[in-house]
Amino acid sequence: MNHQDLAHEHCVSQKGRAPLDATQIGKLLEQVAGWRCDDDAHTLSKDFRFQDFHHTLGFINAVGFIANQQDHHPDLEAGYGHCTLHWSTHDVGGLSRNDFICAARVDALLATA
């Protein structure tokens, strides 16, 4: 399985589920190049660089579309020419498959740009 497979999955409710364990996270990280786990595996993050603020804002809007479509929303930090996304599943208090699905969808978005 690769990021393209993950990118075709849809987020599902995680209420009542446990967060992914280190083994599960490690296997999923192999499918989303450049993403890293932060905060003791509570956040999946990646930094993105763009040529200017206009392109950064376009990226943020595209991520917003994905997030609304999947009903799974990241935290983000942005400025001129850069944006960092942080995915986490608050319902489980850590990472879920949804975070990796959304990461793969963002990567697929950029692969087609």
C-alpha atoms as a PDB file:
ATOM      1  CA  MET A   1       0.000   0.000   0.000  1.00  0.00           C
ATOM      2  CA  ASN A   2       1.252   3.539  -0.763  1.00  0.00           C
ATOM      3  CA  HIS A   3       0.140   7.123  -0.309  1.00  0.00           C
ATOM      4  CA  GLN A   4      -2.076   6.881  -3.389  1.00  0.00           C
ATOM      5  CA  ASP A   5      -4.048   4.076  -1.735  1.00  0.00           C
ATOM      6  CA  LEU A   6      -4.381   6.069   1.479  1.00  0.00           C
ATOM      7  CA  ALA A   7      -5.400   9.132  -0.527  1.00  0.00           C
ATOM      8  CA  HIS A   8      -8.403   7.224  -1.877  1.00  0.00           C
ATOM      9  CA  GLU A   9      -9.682   6.271   1.566  1.00  0.00           C
ATOM     10  CA  HIS A  10     -12.197   8.388   3.463  1.00  0.00           C
ATOM     11  CA  CYS A  11     -12.024   9.498   7.069  1.00  0.00           C
ATOM     12  CA  VAL A  12     -14.437   7.801   9.457  1.00  0.00           C
ATOM     13  CA  SER A  13     -15.481   8.624  13.014  1.00  0.00           C
ATOM     14  CA  GLN A  14     -12.867   7.688  15.585  1.00  0.00           C
ATOM     15  CA  LYS A  15     -15.045   8.122  18.680  1.00  0.00           C
ATOM     16  CA  GLY A  16     -14.488   5.279  21.101  1.00  0.00           C
ATOM     17  CA  ARG A  17     -11.330   4.080  19.349  1.00  0.00           C
ATOM     18  CA  ALA A  18      -7.801   4.024  20.710  1.00  0.00           C
ATOM     19  CA  PRO A  19      -4.967   6.015  19.109  1.00  0.00           C
ATOM     20  CA  LEU A  20      -2.580   4.192  16.823  1.00  0.00           C
ATOM     21  CA  ASP A  21       0.341   2.487  18.521  1.00  0.00           C
ATOM     22  CA  ALA A  22       4.001   2.976  17.561  1.00  0.00           C
ATOM     23  CA  THR A  23       4.036  -0.030  15.210  1.00  0.00           C
ATOM     24  CA  GLN A  24       0.936   1.132  13.345  1.00  0.00           C
ATOM     25  CA  ILE A  25       2.305   4.671  13.119  1.00  0.00           C
ATOM     26  CA  GLY A  26       5.632   3.396  11.770  1.00  0.00           C
ATOM     27  CA  LYS A  27       3.935   1.415   8.995  1.00  0.00           C
ATOM     28  CA  LEU A  28       1.758   4.349   7.983  1.00  0.00           C
ATOM     29  CA  LEU A  29       4.680   6.806   8.098  1.00  0.00           C
ATOM     30  CA  GLU A  30       6.351   4.714   5.393  1.00  0.00           C
ATOM     31  CA  GLN A  31       3.454   5.645   3.106  1.00  0.00           C
ATOM     32  CA  VAL A  32       3.629   9.434   3.582  1.00  0.00           C
ATOM     33  CA  ALA A  33       7.091  10.715   2.679  1.00  0.00           C
ATOM     34  CA  GLY A  34       8.377  13.706   4.578  1.00  0.00           C
ATOM     35  CA  TRP A  35       5.786  13.579   7.352  1.00  0.00           C
ATOM     36  CA  ARG A  36       6.960  13.243  10.958  1.00  0.00           C
ATOM     37  CA  CYS A  37       5.409  12.460  14.309  1.00  0.00           C
ATOM     38  CA  ASP A  38       5.729  15.167  16.930  1.00  0.00           C
ATOM     39  CA  ASP A  39       4.707  15.456  20.565  1.00  0.00           C
ATOM     40  CA  ASP A  40       5.195  11.803  21.490  1.00  0.00           C
ATOM     41  CA  ALA A  41       3.163  10.606  18.461  1.00  0.00           C
ATOM     42  CA  HIS A  42       0.238  12.937  19.092  1.00  0.00           C
ATOM     43  CA  THR A  43       0.731  14.988  15.926  1.00  0.00           C
ATOM     44  CA  LEU A  44       1.614  14.220  12.304  1.00  0.00           C
ATOM     45  CA  SER A  45       3.386  17.225  10.763  1.00  0.00           C
ATOM     46  CA  LYS A  46       5.028  18.395   7.565  1.00  0.00           C
ATOM     47  CA  ASP A  47       6.550  21.685   6.387  1.00  0.00           C
ATOM     48  CA  PHE A  48       5.725  23.034   2.936  1.00  0.00           C
ATOM     49  CA  ARG A  49       7.544  25.806   1.024  1.00  0.00           C
ATOM     50  CA  PHE A  50       6.106  28.035  -1.711  1.00  0.00           C
ATOM     51  CA  GLN A  51       7.435  30.843  -3.861  1.00  0.00           C
ATOM     52  CA  ASP A  52       5.241  33.517  -2.284  1.00  0.00           C
ATOM     53  CA  PHE A  53       2.275  34.231  -0.025  1.00  0.00           C
ATOM     54  CA  HIS A  54      -0.213  33.902  -2.885  1.00  0.00           C
ATOM     55  CA  HIS A  55       0.801  30.263  -3.458  1.00  0.00           C
ATOM     56  CA  THR A  56       0.858  29.584   0.284  1.00  0.00           C
ATOM     57  CA  LEU A  57      -2.699  30.882   0.598  1.00  0.00           C
ATOM     58  CA  GLY A  58      -3.822  28.785  -2.376  1.00  0.00           C
ATOM     59  CA  PHE A  59      -2.380  25.711  -0.675  1.00  0.00           C
ATOM     60  CA  ILE A  60      -4.148  26.561   2.578  1.00  0.00           C
ATOM     61  CA  ASN A  61      -7.462  26.922   0.745  1.00  0.00           C
ATOM     62  CA  ALA A  62      -6.968  23.571  -1.004  1.00  0.00           C
ATOM     63  CA  VAL A  63      -6.148  21.907   2.337  1.00  0.00           C
ATOM     64  CA  GLY A  64      -9.261  23.530   3.773  1.00  0.00           C
ATOM     65  CA  PHE A  65     -11.340  21.943   1.023  1.00  0.00           C
ATOM     66  CA  ILE A  66      -9.862  18.512   1.771  1.00  0.00           C
ATOM     67  CA  ALA A  67     -10.368  19.006   5.508  1.00  0.00           C
ATOM     68  CA  ASN A  68     -14.014  20.003   5.106  1.00  0.00           C
ATOM     69  CA  GLN A  69     -14.647  17.171   2.663  1.00  0.00           C
ATOM     70  CA  GLN A  70     -13.188  14.643   5.126  1.00  0.00           C
ATOM     71  CA  ASP A  71     -14.555  16.387   8.245  1.00  0.00           C
ATOM     72  CA  HIS A  72     -11.041  16.216   9.689  1.00  0.00           C
ATOM     73  CA  HIS A  73      -9.209  19.489  10.228  1.00  0.00           C
ATOM     74  CA  PRO A  74      -5.514  20.243  10.811  1.00  0.00           C
ATOM     75  CA  ASP A  75      -3.833  22.921  12.819  1.00  0.00           C
ATOM     76  CA  LEU A  76      -1.597  25.026  10.629  1.00  0.00           C
ATOM     77  CA  GLU A  77       1.102  27.636  10.847  1.00  0.00           C
ATOM     78  CA  ALA A  78       1.642  29.876   7.853  1.00  0.00           C
ATOM     79  CA  GLY A  79       3.621  32.863   6.685  1.00  0.00           C
ATOM     80  CA  TYR A  80       5.196  34.233   3.552  1.00  0.00           C
ATOM     81  CA  GLY A  81       6.175  31.234   1.432  1.00  0.00           C
ATOM     82  CA  HIS A  82       5.634  28.511   4.024  1.00  0.00           C
ATOM     83  CA  CYS A  83       3.004  26.468   5.815  1.00  0.00           C
ATOM     84  CA  THR A  84       3.262  23.680   8.374  1.00  0.00           C
ATOM     85  CA  LEU A  85       0.355  21.262   8.776  1.00  0.00           C
ATOM     86  CA  HIS A  86      -0.297  19.363  12.002  1.00  0.00           C
ATOM     87  CA  TRP A  87      -2.831  16.522  11.907  1.00  0.00           C
ATOM     88  CA  SER A  88      -4.133  14.915  15.089  1.00  0.00           C
ATOM     89  CA  THR A  89      -7.342  13.163  16.101  1.00  0.00           C
ATOM     90  CA  HIS A  90      -8.721  14.786  19.226  1.00  0.00           C
ATOM     91  CA  ASP A  91     -11.342  12.045  19.676  1.00  0.00           C
ATOM     92  CA  VAL A  92      -8.572   9.500  20.346  1.00  0.00           C
ATOM     93  CA  GLY A  93      -6.032  11.798  21.981  1.00  0.00           C
ATOM     94  CA  GLY A  94      -3.379  11.000  19.395  1.00  0.00           C
ATOM     95  CA  LEU A  95      -3.037   9.773  15.853  1.00  0.00           C
ATOM     96  CA  SER A  96      -5.604   7.805  13.891  1.00  0.00           C
ATOM     97  CA  ARG A  97      -5.703   6.505  10.336  1.00  0.00           C
ATOM     98  CA  ASN A  98      -7.639   9.680   9.448  1.00  0.00           C
ATOM     99  CA  ASP A  99      -4.494  11.760   9.982  1.00  0.00           C
ATOM    100  CA  PHE A 100      -2.561   9.652   7.493  1.00  0.00           C
ATOM    101  CA  ILE A 101      -5.436   9.660   4.988  1.00  0.00           C
ATOM    102  CA  CYS A 102      -5.470  13.461   5.045  1.00  0.00           C
ATOM    103  CA  ALA A 103      -1.666  13.643   4.818  1.00  0.00           C
ATOM    104  CA  ALA A 104      -1.762  11.379   1.752  1.00  0.00           C
ATOM    105  CA  ARG A 105      -4.525  13.493   0.203  1.00  0.00           C
ATOM    106  CA  VAL A 106      -2.403  16.636   0.651  1.00  0.00           C
ATOM    107  CA  ASP A 107       0.583  14.888  -0.937  1.00  0.00           C
ATOM    108  CA  ALA A 108      -1.609  13.735  -3.841  1.00  0.00           C
ATOM    109  CA  LEU A 109      -2.859  17.292  -4.284  1.00  0.00           C
ATOM    110  CA  LEU A 110       0.686  18.584  -4.632  1.00  0.00           C
ATOM    111  CA  ALA A 111       1.684  15.712  -6.926  1.00  0.00           C
ATOM    112  CA  THR A 112      -0.928  16.863  -9.437  1.00  0.00           C
ATOM    113  CA  ALA A 113      -0.061  20.570  -9.199  1.00  0.00           C
END
